[in-house]
Amino acid sequence: LLHAQEDFRLEHFEKKIRPVLASKCF
């Protein structure tokens, strides 16, 4: 369960956070 949660958090960053930082902030 912990491993799955960590994978979910990493996927959330890569799909939902990093692209917005790159396009709106950098």
mmCIF file of all heavy atoms, coordinates in Angstrom:
data_MODEL
# 
_entry.id   MODEL 
# 
loop_
_atom_site.group_PDB 
_atom_site.id 
_atom_site.type_symbol 
_atom_site.label_atom_id 
_atom_site.label_alt_id 
_atom_site.label_comp_id 
_atom_site.label_asym_id 
_atom_site.label_entity_id 
_atom_site.label_seq_id 
_atom_site.pdbx_PDB_ins_code 
_atom_site.Cartn_x 
_atom_site.Cartn_y 
_atom_site.Cartn_z 
_atom_site.occupancy 
_atom_site.B_iso_or_equiv 
_atom_site.pdbx_formal_charge 
_atom_site.auth_seq_id 
_atom_site.auth_comp_id 
_atom_site.auth_asym_id 
_atom_site.auth_atom_id 
_atom_site.pdbx_PDB_model_num 
ATOM 1   N N   . LEU A 1 1  ? 0.834  -1.202 0.000   1.00 0.00 ? 1  LEU A N   1 
ATOM 2   C CA  . LEU A 1 1  ? 0.000  0.000  0.000   1.00 0.00 ? 1  LEU A CA  1 
ATOM 3   C C   . LEU A 1 1  ? 0.870  1.254  0.000   1.00 0.00 ? 1  LEU A C   1 
ATOM 4   O O   . LEU A 1 1  ? 0.611  2.200  -0.746  1.00 0.00 ? 1  LEU A O   1 
ATOM 5   C CB  . LEU A 1 1  ? -0.918 -0.010 1.213   1.00 0.00 ? 1  LEU A CB  1 
ATOM 6   C CG  . LEU A 1 1  ? -1.822 1.222  1.372   1.00 0.00 ? 1  LEU A CG  1 
ATOM 7   C CD1 . LEU A 1 1  ? -2.743 1.353  0.158   1.00 0.00 ? 1  LEU A CD1 1 
ATOM 8   C CD2 . LEU A 1 1  ? -2.651 1.119  2.643   1.00 0.00 ? 1  LEU A CD2 1 
ATOM 9   N N   . LEU A 1 2  ? 1.926  1.255  0.827   1.00 0.00 ? 2  LEU A N   1 
ATOM 10  C CA  . LEU A 1 2  ? 2.823  2.409  0.876   1.00 0.00 ? 2  LEU A CA  1 
ATOM 11  C C   . LEU A 1 2  ? 3.510  2.613  -0.465  1.00 0.00 ? 2  LEU A C   1 
ATOM 12  O O   . LEU A 1 2  ? 3.680  3.749  -0.933  1.00 0.00 ? 2  LEU A O   1 
ATOM 13  C CB  . LEU A 1 2  ? 3.870  2.211  1.980   1.00 0.00 ? 2  LEU A CB  1 
ATOM 14  C CG  . LEU A 1 2  ? 3.357  2.324  3.422   1.00 0.00 ? 2  LEU A CG  1 
ATOM 15  C CD1 . LEU A 1 2  ? 4.467  1.964  4.400   1.00 0.00 ? 2  LEU A CD1 1 
ATOM 16  C CD2 . LEU A 1 2  ? 2.854  3.745  3.703   1.00 0.00 ? 2  LEU A CD2 1 
ATOM 17  N N   . HIS A 1 3  ? 3.918  1.495  -1.082  1.00 0.00 ? 3  HIS A N   1 
ATOM 18  C CA  . HIS A 1 3  ? 4.574  1.587  -2.391  1.00 0.00 ? 3  HIS A CA  1 
ATOM 19  C C   . HIS A 1 3  ? 3.620  2.162  -3.432  1.00 0.00 ? 3  HIS A C   1 
ATOM 20  O O   . HIS A 1 3  ? 3.987  3.011  -4.244  1.00 0.00 ? 3  HIS A O   1 
ATOM 21  C CB  . HIS A 1 3  ? 5.052  0.197  -2.816  1.00 0.00 ? 3  HIS A CB  1 
ATOM 22  C CG  . HIS A 1 3  ? 5.810  0.198  -4.103  1.00 0.00 ? 3  HIS A CG  1 
ATOM 23  N ND1 . HIS A 1 3  ? 7.077  0.732  -4.218  1.00 0.00 ? 3  HIS A ND1 1 
ATOM 24  C CD2 . HIS A 1 3  ? 5.473  -0.246 -5.347  1.00 0.00 ? 3  HIS A CD2 1 
ATOM 25  C CE1 . HIS A 1 3  ? 7.498  0.592  -5.471  1.00 0.00 ? 3  HIS A CE1 1 
ATOM 26  N NE2 . HIS A 1 3  ? 6.533  0.014  -6.167  1.00 0.00 ? 3  HIS A NE2 1 
ATOM 27  N N   . ALA A 1 4  ? 2.381  1.709  -3.417  1.00 0.00 ? 4  ALA A N   1 
ATOM 28  C CA  . ALA A 1 4  ? 1.379  2.205  -4.365  1.00 0.00 ? 4  ALA A CA  1 
ATOM 29  C C   . ALA A 1 4  ? 1.114  3.693  -4.151  1.00 0.00 ? 4  ALA A C   1 
ATOM 30  O O   . ALA A 1 4  ? 0.955  4.458  -5.110  1.00 0.00 ? 4  ALA A O   1 
ATOM 31  C CB  . ALA A 1 4  ? 0.090  1.406  -4.223  1.00 0.00 ? 4  ALA A CB  1 
ATOM 32  N N   . GLN A 1 5  ? 1.057  4.102  -2.876  1.00 0.00 ? 5  GLN A N   1 
ATOM 33  C CA  . GLN A 1 5  ? 0.826  5.516  -2.580  1.00 0.00 ? 5  GLN A CA  1 
ATOM 34  C C   . GLN A 1 5  ? 1.977  6.377  -3.081  1.00 0.00 ? 5  GLN A C   1 
ATOM 35  O O   . GLN A 1 5  ? 1.768  7.471  -3.611  1.00 0.00 ? 5  GLN A O   1 
ATOM 36  C CB  . GLN A 1 5  ? 0.627  5.693  -1.075  1.00 0.00 ? 5  GLN A CB  1 
ATOM 37  C CG  . GLN A 1 5  ? -0.679 5.116  -0.546  1.00 0.00 ? 5  GLN A CG  1 
ATOM 38  C CD  . GLN A 1 5  ? -0.772 5.160  0.964   1.00 0.00 ? 5  GLN A CD  1 
ATOM 39  O OE1 . GLN A 1 5  ? 0.238  5.246  1.656   1.00 0.00 ? 5  GLN A OE1 1 
ATOM 40  N NE2 . GLN A 1 5  ? -1.992 5.110  1.483   1.00 0.00 ? 5  GLN A NE2 1 
ATOM 41  N N   . GLU A 1 6  ? 3.204  5.877  -2.899  1.00 0.00 ? 6  GLU A N   1 
ATOM 42  C CA  . GLU A 1 6  ? 4.368  6.631  -3.368  1.00 0.00 ? 6  GLU A CA  1 
ATOM 43  C C   . GLU A 1 6  ? 4.353  6.758  -4.887  1.00 0.00 ? 6  GLU A C   1 
ATOM 44  O O   . GLU A 1 6  ? 4.625  7.819  -5.444  1.00 0.00 ? 6  GLU A O   1 
ATOM 45  C CB  . GLU A 1 6  ? 5.653  5.927  -2.920  1.00 0.00 ? 6  GLU A CB  1 
ATOM 46  C CG  . GLU A 1 6  ? 6.940  6.647  -3.318  1.00 0.00 ? 6  GLU A CG  1 
ATOM 47  C CD  . GLU A 1 6  ? 7.108  7.986  -2.633  1.00 0.00 ? 6  GLU A CD  1 
ATOM 48  O OE1 . GLU A 1 6  ? 6.413  8.247  -1.623  1.00 0.00 ? 6  GLU A OE1 1 
ATOM 49  O OE2 . GLU A 1 6  ? 7.937  8.795  -3.107  1.00 0.00 ? 6  GLU A OE2 1 
ATOM 50  N N   . ASP A 1 7  ? 4.024  5.656  -5.572  1.00 0.00 ? 7  ASP A N   1 
ATOM 51  C CA  . ASP A 1 7  ? 3.919  5.695  -7.035  1.00 0.00 ? 7  ASP A CA  1 
ATOM 52  C C   . ASP A 1 7  ? 2.866  6.713  -7.463  1.00 0.00 ? 7  ASP A C   1 
ATOM 53  O O   . ASP A 1 7  ? 3.055  7.446  -8.443  1.00 0.00 ? 7  ASP A O   1 
ATOM 54  C CB  . ASP A 1 7  ? 3.560  4.313  -7.585  1.00 0.00 ? 7  ASP A CB  1 
ATOM 55  C CG  . ASP A 1 7  ? 4.733  3.344  -7.524  1.00 0.00 ? 7  ASP A CG  1 
ATOM 56  O OD1 . ASP A 1 7  ? 5.870  3.818  -7.319  1.00 0.00 ? 7  ASP A OD1 1 
ATOM 57  O OD2 . ASP A 1 7  ? 4.522  2.134  -7.665  1.00 0.00 ? 7  ASP A OD2 1 
ATOM 58  N N   . PHE A 1 8  ? 1.737  6.739  -6.749  1.00 0.00 ? 8  PHE A N   1 
ATOM 59  C CA  . PHE A 1 8  ? 0.661  7.678  -7.092  1.00 0.00 ? 8  PHE A CA  1 
ATOM 60  C C   . PHE A 1 8  ? 1.134  9.120  -6.928  1.00 0.00 ? 8  PHE A C   1 
ATOM 61  O O   . PHE A 1 8  ? 0.853  9.972  -7.767  1.00 0.00 ? 8  PHE A O   1 
ATOM 62  C CB  . PHE A 1 8  ? -0.556 7.410  -6.214  1.00 0.00 ? 8  PHE A CB  1 
ATOM 63  C CG  . PHE A 1 8  ? -1.663 8.416  -6.417  1.00 0.00 ? 8  PHE A CG  1 
ATOM 64  C CD1 . PHE A 1 8  ? -2.530 8.311  -7.488  1.00 0.00 ? 8  PHE A CD1 1 
ATOM 65  C CD2 . PHE A 1 8  ? -1.824 9.495  -5.539  1.00 0.00 ? 8  PHE A CD2 1 
ATOM 66  C CE1 . PHE A 1 8  ? -3.537 9.242  -7.684  1.00 0.00 ? 8  PHE A CE1 1 
ATOM 67  C CE2 . PHE A 1 8  ? -2.826 10.425 -5.727  1.00 0.00 ? 8  PHE A CE2 1 
ATOM 68  C CZ  . PHE A 1 8  ? -3.686 10.296 -6.807  1.00 0.00 ? 8  PHE A CZ  1 
ATOM 69  N N   . ARG A 1 9  ? 1.874  9.394  -5.838  1.00 0.00 ? 9  ARG A N   1 
ATOM 70  C CA  . ARG A 1 9  ? 2.349  10.762 -5.603  1.00 0.00 ? 9  ARG A CA  1 
ATOM 71  C C   . ARG A 1 9  ? 3.357  11.188 -6.663  1.00 0.00 ? 9  ARG A C   1 
ATOM 72  O O   . ARG A 1 9  ? 3.336  12.337 -7.126  1.00 0.00 ? 9  ARG A O   1 
ATOM 73  C CB  . ARG A 1 9  ? 2.959  10.868 -4.205  1.00 0.00 ? 9  ARG A CB  1 
ATOM 74  C CG  . ARG A 1 9  ? 1.926  10.816 -3.085  1.00 0.00 ? 9  ARG A CG  1 
ATOM 75  C CD  . ARG A 1 9  ? 2.516  11.249 -1.755  1.00 0.00 ? 9  ARG A CD  1 
ATOM 76  N NE  . ARG A 1 9  ? 3.468  10.283 -1.252  1.00 0.00 ? 9  ARG A NE  1 
ATOM 77  C CZ  . ARG A 1 9  ? 3.162  9.336  -0.374  1.00 0.00 ? 9  ARG A CZ  1 
ATOM 78  N NH1 . ARG A 1 9  ? 1.929  9.220  0.072   1.00 0.00 ? 9  ARG A NH1 1 
ATOM 79  N NH2 . ARG A 1 9  ? 4.094  8.499  0.056   1.00 0.00 ? 9  ARG A NH2 1 
ATOM 80  N N   . LEU A 1 10 ? 4.222  10.269 -7.062  1.00 0.00 ? 10 LEU A N   1 
ATOM 81  C CA  . LEU A 1 10 ? 5.199  10.586 -8.108  1.00 0.00 ? 10 LEU A CA  1 
ATOM 82  C C   . LEU A 1 10 ? 4.495  10.843 -9.435  1.00 0.00 ? 10 LEU A C   1 
ATOM 83  O O   . LEU A 1 10 ? 4.828  11.783 -10.158 1.00 0.00 ? 10 LEU A O   1 
ATOM 84  C CB  . LEU A 1 10 ? 6.198  9.435  -8.252  1.00 0.00 ? 10 LEU A CB  1 
ATOM 85  C CG  . LEU A 1 10 ? 7.179  9.242  -7.100  1.00 0.00 ? 10 LEU A CG  1 
ATOM 86  C CD1 . LEU A 1 10 ? 8.011  7.987  -7.318  1.00 0.00 ? 10 LEU A CD1 1 
ATOM 87  C CD2 . LEU A 1 10 ? 8.094  10.457 -6.962  1.00 0.00 ? 10 LEU A CD2 1 
ATOM 88  N N   . GLU A 1 11 ? 3.518  10.003 -9.752  1.00 0.00 ? 11 GLU A N   1 
ATOM 89  C CA  . GLU A 1 11 ? 2.758  10.178 -10.996 1.00 0.00 ? 11 GLU A CA  1 
ATOM 90  C C   . GLU A 1 11 ? 1.986  11.492 -10.973 1.00 0.00 ? 11 GLU A C   1 
ATOM 91  O O   . GLU A 1 11 ? 1.900  12.190 -11.988 1.00 0.00 ? 11 GLU A O   1 
ATOM 92  C CB  . GLU A 1 11 ? 1.808  9.001  -11.192 1.00 0.00 ? 11 GLU A CB  1 
ATOM 93  C CG  . GLU A 1 11 ? 1.030  9.069  -12.502 1.00 0.00 ? 11 GLU A CG  1 
ATOM 94  C CD  . GLU A 1 11 ? 0.105  7.886  -12.693 1.00 0.00 ? 11 GLU A CD  1 
ATOM 95  O OE1 . GLU A 1 11 ? -0.063 7.108  -11.729 1.00 0.00 ? 11 GLU A OE1 1 
ATOM 96  O OE2 . GLU A 1 11 ? -0.456 7.744  -13.787 1.00 0.00 ? 11 GLU A OE2 1 
ATOM 97  N N   . HIS A 1 12 ? 1.455  11.839 -9.812  1.00 0.00 ? 12 HIS A N   1 
ATOM 98  C CA  . HIS A 1 12 ? 0.715  13.096 -9.681  1.00 0.00 ? 12 HIS A CA  1 
ATOM 99  C C   . HIS A 1 12 ? 1.629  14.286 -9.970  1.00 0.00 ? 12 HIS A C   1 
ATOM 100 O O   . HIS A 1 12 ? 1.239  15.226 -10.678 1.00 0.00 ? 12 HIS A O   1 
ATOM 101 C CB  . HIS A 1 12 ? 0.142  13.210 -8.263  1.00 0.00 ? 12 HIS A CB  1 
ATOM 102 C CG  . HIS A 1 12 ? -0.690 14.437 -8.050  1.00 0.00 ? 12 HIS A CG  1 
ATOM 103 N ND1 . HIS A 1 12 ? -2.005 14.510 -8.446  1.00 0.00 ? 12 HIS A ND1 1 
ATOM 104 C CD2 . HIS A 1 12 ? -0.396 15.650 -7.499  1.00 0.00 ? 12 HIS A CD2 1 
ATOM 105 C CE1 . HIS A 1 12 ? -2.490 15.712 -8.152  1.00 0.00 ? 12 HIS A CE1 1 
ATOM 106 N NE2 . HIS A 1 12 ? -1.532 16.412 -7.565  1.00 0.00 ? 12 HIS A NE2 1 
ATOM 107 N N   . PHE A 1 13 ? 2.845  14.251 -9.451  1.00 0.00 ? 13 PHE A N   1 
ATOM 108 C CA  . PHE A 1 13 ? 3.784  15.342 -9.702  1.00 0.00 ? 13 PHE A CA  1 
ATOM 109 C C   . PHE A 1 13 ? 4.120  15.427 -11.186 1.00 0.00 ? 13 PHE A C   1 
ATOM 110 O O   . PHE A 1 13 ? 4.119  16.518 -11.775 1.00 0.00 ? 13 PHE A O   1 
ATOM 111 C CB  . PHE A 1 13 ? 5.067  15.146 -8.889  1.00 0.00 ? 13 PHE A CB  1 
ATOM 112 C CG  . PHE A 1 13 ? 6.118  16.184 -9.177  1.00 0.00 ? 13 PHE A CG  1 
ATOM 113 C CD1 . PHE A 1 13 ? 6.075  17.429 -8.569  1.00 0.00 ? 13 PHE A CD1 1 
ATOM 114 C CD2 . PHE A 1 13 ? 7.134  15.931 -10.083 1.00 0.00 ? 13 PHE A CD2 1 
ATOM 115 C CE1 . PHE A 1 13 ? 7.022  18.400 -8.851  1.00 0.00 ? 13 PHE A CE1 1 
ATOM 116 C CE2 . PHE A 1 13 ? 8.093  16.891 -10.374 1.00 0.00 ? 13 PHE A CE2 1 
ATOM 117 C CZ  . PHE A 1 13 ? 8.034  18.128 -9.755  1.00 0.00 ? 13 PHE A CZ  1 
ATOM 118 N N   . GLU A 1 14 ? 4.442  14.280 -11.793 1.00 0.00 ? 14 GLU A N   1 
ATOM 119 C CA  . GLU A 1 14 ? 4.883  14.279 -13.189 1.00 0.00 ? 14 GLU A CA  1 
ATOM 120 C C   . GLU A 1 14 ? 3.771  14.700 -14.146 1.00 0.00 ? 14 GLU A C   1 
ATOM 121 O O   . GLU A 1 14 ? 4.028  15.384 -15.141 1.00 0.00 ? 14 GLU A O   1 
ATOM 122 C CB  . GLU A 1 14 ? 5.411  12.901 -13.580 1.00 0.00 ? 14 GLU A CB  1 
ATOM 123 C CG  . GLU A 1 14 ? 6.670  12.474 -12.847 1.00 0.00 ? 14 GLU A CG  1 
ATOM 124 C CD  . GLU A 1 14 ? 7.862  13.367 -13.164 1.00 0.00 ? 14 GLU A CD  1 
ATOM 125 O OE1 . GLU A 1 14 ? 7.801  14.150 -14.132 1.00 0.00 ? 14 GLU A OE1 1 
ATOM 126 O OE2 . GLU A 1 14 ? 8.864  13.287 -12.434 1.00 0.00 ? 14 GLU A OE2 1 
ATOM 127 N N   . LYS A 1 15 ? 2.534  14.317 -13.849 1.00 0.00 ? 15 LYS A N   1 
ATOM 128 C CA  . LYS A 1 15 ? 1.428  14.593 -14.770 1.00 0.00 ? 15 LYS A CA  1 
ATOM 129 C C   . LYS A 1 15 ? 0.710  15.909 -14.479 1.00 0.00 ? 15 LYS A C   1 
ATOM 130 O O   . LYS A 1 15 ? 0.228  16.568 -15.406 1.00 0.00 ? 15 LYS A O   1 
ATOM 131 C CB  . LYS A 1 15 ? 0.418  13.444 -14.748 1.00 0.00 ? 15 LYS A CB  1 
ATOM 132 C CG  . LYS A 1 15 ? 0.919  12.171 -15.386 1.00 0.00 ? 15 LYS A CG  1 
ATOM 133 C CD  . LYS A 1 15 ? -0.193 11.139 -15.469 1.00 0.00 ? 15 LYS A CD  1 
ATOM 134 C CE  . LYS A 1 15 ? 0.252  9.904  -16.226 1.00 0.00 ? 15 LYS A CE  1 
ATOM 135 N NZ  . LYS A 1 15 ? -0.834 8.894  -16.347 1.00 0.00 ? 15 LYS A NZ  1 
ATOM 136 N N   . LYS A 1 16 ? 0.624  16.281 -13.205 1.00 0.00 ? 16 LYS A N   1 
ATOM 137 C CA  . LYS A 1 16 ? -0.212 17.422 -12.852 1.00 0.00 ? 16 LYS A CA  1 
ATOM 138 C C   . LYS A 1 16 ? 0.588  18.647 -12.382 1.00 0.00 ? 16 LYS A C   1 
ATOM 139 O O   . LYS A 1 16 ? 0.109  19.775 -12.514 1.00 0.00 ? 16 LYS A O   1 
ATOM 140 C CB  . LYS A 1 16 ? -1.183 17.022 -11.719 1.00 0.00 ? 16 LYS A CB  1 
ATOM 141 C CG  . LYS A 1 16 ? -2.090 15.859 -12.062 1.00 0.00 ? 16 LYS A CG  1 
ATOM 142 C CD  . LYS A 1 16 ? -3.099 16.255 -13.127 1.00 0.00 ? 16 LYS A CD  1 
ATOM 143 C CE  . LYS A 1 16 ? -4.078 15.123 -13.419 1.00 0.00 ? 16 LYS A CE  1 
ATOM 144 N NZ  . LYS A 1 16 ? -4.956 14.809 -12.307 1.00 0.00 ? 16 LYS A NZ  1 
ATOM 145 N N   . ILE A 1 17 ? 1.788  18.449 -11.838 1.00 0.00 ? 17 ILE A N   1 
ATOM 146 C CA  . ILE A 1 17 ? 2.521  19.561 -11.239 1.00 0.00 ? 17 ILE A CA  1 
ATOM 147 C C   . ILE A 1 17 ? 3.679  20.042 -12.125 1.00 0.00 ? 17 ILE A C   1 
ATOM 148 O O   . ILE A 1 17 ? 3.748  21.222 -12.485 1.00 0.00 ? 17 ILE A O   1 
ATOM 149 C CB  . ILE A 1 17 ? 3.069  19.169 -9.851  1.00 0.00 ? 17 ILE A CB  1 
ATOM 150 C CG1 . ILE A 1 17 ? 1.926  18.677 -8.954  1.00 0.00 ? 17 ILE A CG1 1 
ATOM 151 C CG2 . ILE A 1 17 ? 3.796  20.362 -9.217  1.00 0.00 ? 17 ILE A CG2 1 
ATOM 152 C CD1 . ILE A 1 17 ? 0.794  19.647 -8.774  1.00 0.00 ? 17 ILE A CD1 1 
ATOM 153 N N   . ARG A 1 18 ? 4.559  19.139 -12.486 1.00 0.00 ? 18 ARG A N   1 
ATOM 154 C CA  . ARG A 1 18 ? 5.732  19.547 -13.275 1.00 0.00 ? 18 ARG A CA  1 
ATOM 155 C C   . ARG A 1 18 ? 5.353  20.262 -14.577 1.00 0.00 ? 18 ARG A C   1 
ATOM 156 O O   . ARG A 1 18 ? 5.933  21.310 -14.908 1.00 0.00 ? 18 ARG A O   1 
ATOM 157 C CB  . ARG A 1 18 ? 6.637  18.356 -13.568 1.00 0.00 ? 18 ARG A CB  1 
ATOM 158 C CG  . ARG A 1 18 ? 8.002  18.783 -14.113 1.00 0.00 ? 18 ARG A CG  1 
ATOM 159 C CD  . ARG A 1 18 ? 8.695  17.663 -14.851 1.00 0.00 ? 18 ARG A CD  1 
ATOM 160 N NE  . ARG A 1 18 ? 9.173  16.579 -14.024 1.00 0.00 ? 18 ARG A NE  1 
ATOM 161 C CZ  . ARG A 1 18 ? 10.419 16.446 -13.610 1.00 0.00 ? 18 ARG A CZ  1 
ATOM 162 N NH1 . ARG A 1 18 ? 11.308 17.381 -13.903 1.00 0.00 ? 18 ARG A NH1 1 
ATOM 163 N NH2 . ARG A 1 18 ? 10.791 15.393 -12.896 1.00 0.00 ? 18 ARG A NH2 1 
ATOM 164 N N   . PRO A 1 19 ? 4.371  19.748 -15.355 1.00 0.00 ? 19 PRO A N   1 
ATOM 165 C CA  . PRO A 1 19 ? 4.028  20.455 -16.597 1.00 0.00 ? 19 PRO A CA  1 
ATOM 166 C C   . PRO A 1 19 ? 3.538  21.885 -16.367 1.00 0.00 ? 19 PRO A C   1 
ATOM 167 O O   . PRO A 1 19 ? 3.824  22.779 -17.159 1.00 0.00 ? 19 PRO A O   1 
ATOM 168 C CB  . PRO A 1 19 ? 2.919  19.579 -17.198 1.00 0.00 ? 19 PRO A CB  1 
ATOM 169 C CG  . PRO A 1 19 ? 3.152  18.224 -16.627 1.00 0.00 ? 19 PRO A CG  1 
ATOM 170 C CD  . PRO A 1 19 ? 3.625  18.477 -15.229 1.00 0.00 ? 19 PRO A CD  1 
ATOM 171 N N   . VAL A 1 20 ? 2.796  22.113 -15.287 1.00 0.00 ? 20 VAL A N   1 
ATOM 172 C CA  . VAL A 1 20 ? 2.309  23.464 -14.995 1.00 0.00 ? 20 VAL A CA  1 
ATOM 173 C C   . VAL A 1 20 ? 3.467  24.364 -14.574 1.00 0.00 ? 20 VAL A C   1 
ATOM 174 O O   . VAL A 1 20 ? 3.559  25.522 -15.002 1.00 0.00 ? 20 VAL A O   1 
ATOM 175 C CB  . VAL A 1 20 ? 1.229  23.429 -13.889 1.00 0.00 ? 20 VAL A CB  1 
ATOM 176 C CG1 . VAL A 1 20 ? 0.761  24.856 -13.558 1.00 0.00 ? 20 VAL A CG1 1 
ATOM 177 C CG2 . VAL A 1 20 ? 0.050  22.585 -14.331 1.00 0.00 ? 20 VAL A CG2 1 
ATOM 178 N N   . LEU A 1 21 ? 4.360  23.852 -13.747 1.00 0.00 ? 21 LEU A N   1 
ATOM 179 C CA  . LEU A 1 21 ? 5.535  24.645 -13.368 1.00 0.00 ? 21 LEU A CA  1 
ATOM 180 C C   . LEU A 1 21 ? 6.329  25.040 -14.605 1.00 0.00 ? 21 LEU A C   1 
ATOM 181 O O   . LEU A 1 21 ? 6.778  26.174 -14.740 1.00 0.00 ? 21 LEU A O   1 
ATOM 182 C CB  . LEU A 1 21 ? 6.427  23.829 -12.408 1.00 0.00 ? 21 LEU A CB  1 
ATOM 183 C CG  . LEU A 1 21 ? 5.873  23.552 -11.015 1.00 0.00 ? 21 LEU A CG  1 
ATOM 184 C CD1 . LEU A 1 21 ? 6.831  22.641 -10.252 1.00 0.00 ? 21 LEU A CD1 1 
ATOM 185 C CD2 . LEU A 1 21 ? 5.659  24.849 -10.232 1.00 0.00 ? 21 LEU A CD2 1 
ATOM 186 N N   . ALA A 1 22 ? 6.498  24.073 -15.514 1.00 0.00 ? 22 ALA A N   1 
ATOM 187 C CA  . ALA A 1 22 ? 7.291  24.328 -16.714 1.00 0.00 ? 22 ALA A CA  1 
ATOM 188 C C   . ALA A 1 22 ? 6.645  25.363 -17.625 1.00 0.00 ? 22 ALA A C   1 
ATOM 189 O O   . ALA A 1 22 ? 7.315  26.250 -18.164 1.00 0.00 ? 22 ALA A O   1 
ATOM 190 C CB  . ALA A 1 22 ? 7.518  23.024 -17.477 1.00 0.00 ? 22 ALA A CB  1 
ATOM 191 N N   . SER A 1 23 ? 5.328  25.261 -17.799 1.00 0.00 ? 23 SER A N   1 
ATOM 192 C CA  . SER A 1 23 ? 4.655  26.148 -18.755 1.00 0.00 ? 23 SER A CA  1 
ATOM 193 C C   . SER A 1 23 ? 4.271  27.510 -18.168 1.00 0.00 ? 23 SER A C   1 
ATOM 194 O O   . SER A 1 23 ? 4.155  28.488 -18.900 1.00 0.00 ? 23 SER A O   1 
ATOM 195 C CB  . SER A 1 23 ? 3.403  25.459 -19.296 1.00 0.00 ? 23 SER A CB  1 
ATOM 196 O OG  . SER A 1 23 ? 2.481  25.194 -18.246 1.00 0.00 ? 23 SER A OG  1 
ATOM 197 N N   . LYS A 1 24 ? 4.071  27.582 -16.844 1.00 0.00 ? 24 LYS A N   1 
ATOM 198 C CA  . LYS A 1 24 ? 3.565  28.809 -16.240 1.00 0.00 ? 24 LYS A CA  1 
ATOM 199 C C   . LYS A 1 24 ? 4.581  29.539 -15.348 1.00 0.00 ? 24 LYS A C   1 
ATOM 200 O O   . LYS A 1 24 ? 4.385  30.727 -15.069 1.00 0.00 ? 24 LYS A O   1 
ATOM 201 C CB  . LYS A 1 24 ? 2.323  28.504 -15.399 1.00 0.00 ? 24 LYS A CB  1 
ATOM 202 C CG  . LYS A 1 24 ? 1.184  27.868 -16.176 1.00 0.00 ? 24 LYS A CG  1 
ATOM 203 C CD  . LYS A 1 24 ? 0.620  28.818 -17.219 1.00 0.00 ? 24 LYS A CD  1 
ATOM 204 C CE  . LYS A 1 24 ? -0.591 28.197 -17.910 1.00 0.00 ? 24 LYS A CE  1 
ATOM 205 N NZ  . LYS A 1 24 ? -1.159 29.095 -18.958 1.00 0.00 ? 24 LYS A NZ  1 
ATOM 206 N N   . CYS A 1 25 ? 5.623  28.847 -14.900 1.00 0.00 ? 25 CYS A N   1 
ATOM 207 C CA  . CYS A 1 25 ? 6.496  29.444 -13.883 1.00 0.00 ? 25 CYS A CA  1 
ATOM 208 C C   . CYS A 1 25 ? 7.949  29.635 -14.303 1.00 0.00 ? 25 CYS A C   1 
ATOM 209 O O   . CYS A 1 25 ? 8.594  30.616 -13.908 1.00 0.00 ? 25 CYS A O   1 
ATOM 210 C CB  . CYS A 1 25 ? 6.466  28.589 -12.616 1.00 0.00 ? 25 CYS A CB  1 
ATOM 211 S SG  . CYS A 1 25 ? 4.813  28.268 -11.964 1.00 0.00 ? 25 CYS A SG  1 
ATOM 212 N N   . PHE A 1 26 ? 8.486  28.689 -15.070 1.00 0.00 ? 26 PHE A N   1 
ATOM 213 C CA  . PHE A 1 26 ? 9.921  28.730 -15.357 1.00 0.00 ? 26 PHE A CA  1 
ATOM 214 C C   . PHE A 1 26 ? 10.339 29.960 -16.142 1.00 0.00 ? 26 PHE A C   1 
ATOM 215 O O   . PHE A 1 26 ? 11.501 30.380 -16.098 1.00 0.00 ? 26 PHE A O   1 
ATOM 216 C CB  . PHE A 1 26 ? 10.346 27.483 -16.121 1.00 0.00 ? 26 PHE A CB  1 
ATOM 217 C CG  . PHE A 1 26 ? 10.299 26.217 -15.312 1.00 0.00 ? 26 PHE A CG  1 
ATOM 218 C CD1 . PHE A 1 26 ? 9.900  26.229 -13.984 1.00 0.00 ? 26 PHE A CD1 1 
ATOM 219 C CD2 . PHE A 1 26 ? 10.648 24.999 -15.880 1.00 0.00 ? 26 PHE A CD2 1 
ATOM 220 C CE1 . PHE A 1 26 ? 9.851  25.064 -13.232 1.00 0.00 ? 26 PHE A CE1 1 
ATOM 221 C CE2 . PHE A 1 26 ? 10.612 23.834 -15.135 1.00 0.00 ? 26 PHE A CE2 1 
ATOM 222 C CZ  . PHE A 1 26 ? 10.203 23.871 -13.816 1.00 0.00 ? 26 PHE A CZ  1 
# 
